[in-house]
Protein backbone atom coordinates (compact mmCIF):
# COMPACT_ATOMS: atom_id res chain seq x y z
CA MET A 1 0.00 0.00 0.00
CA LYS A 2 1.57 3.29 -1.05
CA VAL A 3 0.98 5.93 1.59
CA PRO A 4 2.85 9.19 0.86
CA ILE A 5 4.41 9.44 4.31
CA GLY A 6 7.98 9.42 2.97
CA GLN A 7 7.42 12.27 0.55
CA GLN A 8 5.92 14.38 3.32
CA ILE A 9 8.74 13.58 5.75
CA LYS A 10 11.28 14.65 3.14
CA ARG A 11 9.38 17.85 2.31
CA LEU A 12 9.00 18.83 5.98
CA ARG A 13 12.62 17.91 6.78
CA GLU A 14 13.92 20.01 3.88
CA GLN A 15 11.71 22.96 4.88
CA ARG A 16 13.57 23.01 8.18
CA THR A 17 16.93 22.49 6.42
CA TRP A 18 17.64 19.40 8.50
CA SER A 19 19.82 16.64 7.16
CA GLN A 20 18.66 13.05 7.35
CA GLN A 21 21.22 12.52 10.11
CA GLN A 22 19.86 15.43 12.19
CA LEU A 23 16.32 14.05 11.95
CA ALA A 24 17.54 10.53 12.69
CA THR A 25 19.31 11.75 15.83
CA GLN A 26 16.13 13.42 17.10
CA LEU A 27 14.10 10.27 16.46
CA MET A 28 16.84 7.95 17.78
CA VAL A 29 16.97 5.92 14.55
CA THR A 30 19.66 5.53 11.91
CA ARG A 31 20.10 7.80 8.91
CA GLN A 32 19.44 4.77 6.68
CA THR A 33 16.02 4.38 8.32
CA ILE A 34 15.12 7.97 7.42
CA SER A 35 16.36 7.35 3.88
CA LYS A 36 14.18 4.23 3.55
CA TRP A 37 11.13 6.13 4.81
CA GLU A 38 11.69 8.97 2.35
CA ARG A 39 12.15 6.57 -0.59
CA GLY A 40 9.03 4.59 0.36
CA LYS A 41 10.99 1.39 1.02
CA SER A 42 9.61 1.17 4.57
CA TYR A 43 7.26 3.07 6.85
CA PRO A 44 7.79 4.62 10.26
CA ASP A 45 6.15 2.90 13.19
CA LEU A 46 3.20 4.59 14.85
CA GLU A 47 5.25 5.98 17.75
CA SER A 48 7.72 7.55 15.31
CA LEU A 49 4.81 9.17 13.46
CA VAL A 50 3.59 10.70 16.72
CA THR A 51 7.09 12.05 17.38
CA LEU A 52 7.34 13.39 13.80
CA THR A 53 4.11 15.39 14.16
CA THR A 54 5.55 16.95 17.31
CA LEU A 55 8.99 17.66 15.80
CA PHE A 56 7.57 19.18 12.63
CA GLY A 57 4.69 20.94 14.44
CA VAL A 58 2.11 19.60 12.00
CA SER A 59 -1.15 17.71 12.26
CA ALA A 60 -1.49 14.04 11.37
CA ASP A 61 -3.45 15.09 8.26
CA GLU A 62 -0.62 17.28 6.99
CA LEU A 63 2.03 14.64 7.74
CA LEU A 64 0.07 12.06 5.75
CA GLY A 65 -0.67 14.43 2.89
CA LEU A 66 -4.42 14.53 3.53
CA THR A 67 -4.50 18.32 3.50
CA GLN A 68 -2.78 20.31 0.84
CA PRO A 69 -1.53 23.85 1.33
CA VAL A 70 -3.71 26.27 -0.61
CA LYS A 71 -1.77 27.95 -3.38
CA PRO A 72 -2.70 31.54 -4.12
CA GLN A 73 -4.25 31.87 -7.55
CA PRO A 74 -4.45 34.93 -9.73
CA ARG A 75 -7.78 36.70 -9.29
CA PHE A 76 -8.81 36.20 -12.91
CA LEU A 77 -8.60 32.39 -12.51
CA TRP A 78 -10.83 32.58 -9.44
CA TRP A 79 -13.56 34.30 -11.49
CA PHE A 80 -13.62 31.47 -14.03
CA HIS A 81 -13.31 28.58 -11.57
CA ARG A 82 -16.02 25.98 -12.10
CA GLY A 83 -16.25 22.79 -10.12
CA GLY A 84 -14.48 21.72 -6.98
CA ARG A 85 -10.97 20.59 -6.34
CA LYS A 86 -10.32 17.00 -5.44
CA GLN A 87 -9.90 16.87 -1.67
CA VAL A 88 -9.40 13.81 0.45
CA SER A 89 -10.40 15.51 3.67
CA THR A 90 -11.57 18.95 4.69
CA SER A 91 -11.52 18.43 8.43
CA LYS A 92 -10.88 15.76 11.00
CA GLN A 93 -14.62 15.20 11.47
CA ASP A 94 -15.15 14.80 7.72
CA LYS A 95 -12.71 11.92 7.24
CA SER A 96 -15.17 9.03 7.35
CA ASN A 97 -18.14 10.94 5.89
CA LYS A 98 -16.57 11.08 2.44
CA TRP A 99 -16.72 7.91 0.38
CA TYR A 100 -13.43 6.71 -0.96
CA MET A 101 -13.05 4.87 -4.23
CA THR A 102 -9.71 3.22 -3.49
CA GLY A 103 -8.26 1.26 -0.64
CA HIS A 104 -5.24 3.57 -0.78
CA ASP A 105 -7.30 6.60 0.24
CA ARG A 106 -8.98 4.69 3.05
CA VAL A 107 -5.68 3.37 4.40
CA THR A 108 -4.25 6.89 4.43
CA VAL A 109 -7.27 8.21 6.30
CA ALA A 110 -7.20 5.27 8.75
CA THR A 111 -3.51 5.94 9.41
CA GLY A 112 -4.30 9.55 10.25
CA LEU A 113 -7.11 8.53 12.58
CA MET A 114 -4.90 5.93 14.29
CA LEU A 115 -2.18 8.53 14.73
CA ASP A 116 -4.65 10.96 16.31
CA ILE A 117 -5.90 8.25 18.67
CA VAL A 118 -2.41 7.28 19.81
CA LYS A 119 -1.46 10.93 20.39
CA ASP A 120 -4.39 11.28 22.82
CA LEU A 121 -3.88 8.01 24.72
CA ASP A 122 -2.01 7.72 28.00
CA PRO A 123 1.17 5.66 27.33
CA VAL A 124 0.88 3.68 30.58
CA LYS A 125 -2.81 3.38 31.37
CA ASP A 126 -3.91 2.77 27.77
CA ALA A 127 -0.94 0.56 26.78
CA PRO A 128 -3.06 -2.46 25.66
CA PHE A 129 -5.14 -0.30 23.33
CA ARG A 130 -2.03 1.48 21.98
CA GLN A 131 -0.53 -1.94 21.23
CA LEU A 132 -3.72 -3.03 19.44
CA ILE A 133 -3.71 0.08 17.26
CA LYS A 134 -0.01 -0.43 16.51
CA SER A 135 -0.63 -4.00 15.35
CA TYR A 136 -3.43 -2.94 12.97
CA TYR A 137 -1.33 -0.03 11.67
CA ASP A 138 1.49 -2.48 10.93
CA GLU A 139 -0.95 -4.80 9.19
CA LEU A 140 -2.28 -1.99 6.99
CA MET A 141 1.26 -0.95 6.05
CA ARG A 142 2.28 -4.53 5.19
CA ASN A 143 -0.88 -4.93 3.11
CA GLN A 144 -0.87 -8.69 3.58
CA PHE A 145 -4.59 -9.29 2.94
CA GLY A 146 -5.01 -7.19 -0.20
CA SER A 147 -8.17 -5.35 0.81
CA PRO A 148 -8.19 -3.05 3.84
CA ASP A 149 -11.91 -3.76 4.39
CA TYR A 150 -11.09 -6.97 6.22
CA VAL A 151 -8.59 -5.13 8.48
CA PHE A 152 -11.10 -2.36 9.32
CA THR A 153 -13.83 -4.86 10.19
CA ARG A 154 -11.51 -6.91 12.40
CA PHE A 155 -10.21 -3.72 14.01
CA GLY A 156 -13.71 -2.82 15.19
CA LEU A 157 -14.20 -6.20 16.84
CA ALA A 158 -10.73 -6.25 18.40
CA ALA A 159 -11.05 -2.67 19.70
CA SER A 160 -14.33 -3.45 21.41
CA LYS A 161 -12.90 -6.60 22.98
CA CYS A 162 -9.68 -4.87 24.13
CA LEU A 163 -11.53 -1.96 25.73
CA ARG A 164 -13.98 -4.28 27.49
CA GLN A 165 -11.36 -6.74 28.78
CA ASN A 166 -9.04 -4.03 30.09
CA GLY A 167 -11.77 -1.79 31.51
CA LEU A 168 -10.66 1.15 29.38
CA VAL A 169 -12.91 4.05 28.50
CA LEU A 170 -11.95 6.24 25.56
CA ALA A 171 -12.40 9.97 25.44
CA ARG A 172 -15.25 11.07 23.20
CA ALA A 173 -12.93 12.23 20.41
CA ASN A 174 -11.07 8.92 20.35
CA SER A 175 -14.31 6.96 20.45
CA GLU A 176 -15.48 8.88 17.38
CA ARG A 177 -12.16 8.19 15.63
CA VAL A 178 -12.50 4.45 16.30
CA ASN A 179 -16.01 4.55 14.81
CA GLN A 180 -14.70 6.43 11.77
CA ILE A 181 -12.08 3.72 11.17
CA ILE A 182 -14.78 1.06 11.36
CA LYS A 183 -16.93 3.01 8.88
CA LEU A 184 -14.05 2.92 6.39
CA ALA A 185 -14.86 -0.77 5.82
CA THR A 186 -18.02 0.32 4.01
CA VAL A 187 -17.27 1.25 0.41
CA ARG A 188 -19.62 2.93 -1.99
CA TYR A 189 -18.35 3.54 -5.48
CA LEU A 190 -19.38 6.84 -7.00
């Protein structure tokens, strides 16, 4: 599954004029790891993504390329603009309300939602749920089952079981994010 994380990491790193080694030192990984991420040969783990959003000072959506910076257009083009631009997401609440035609789009959105969930979880108290999310993130990145629908459906069942067995209660925002991931299993082709 091609998720544009590497391209975004490279763009954000170069904006700050950091070398791969400087970023690697801050993340406590090797320079070769950063190089592999940027070339799309491997993906950062979920904890590294959380750290990257903090280091770069960006949202999960921007790190994953779900939001694009708006380019200023000449005024005369604005007058003749007809039709909308293709947008994957307009806001965090809108992620699961839009129907996606490809598994790629849905995996990217699910990754952003998972990243937002992990950022809001307590590392100690919510450790079992963090581990569950990490395992499903890894599964989506490995793309071993072909279709992400199966992963999203299983995620919903496993999340419910994990929360119940460990007596965990999610904050409202995280509960909504979990529901949005589950909704991504439903595909409607436009």
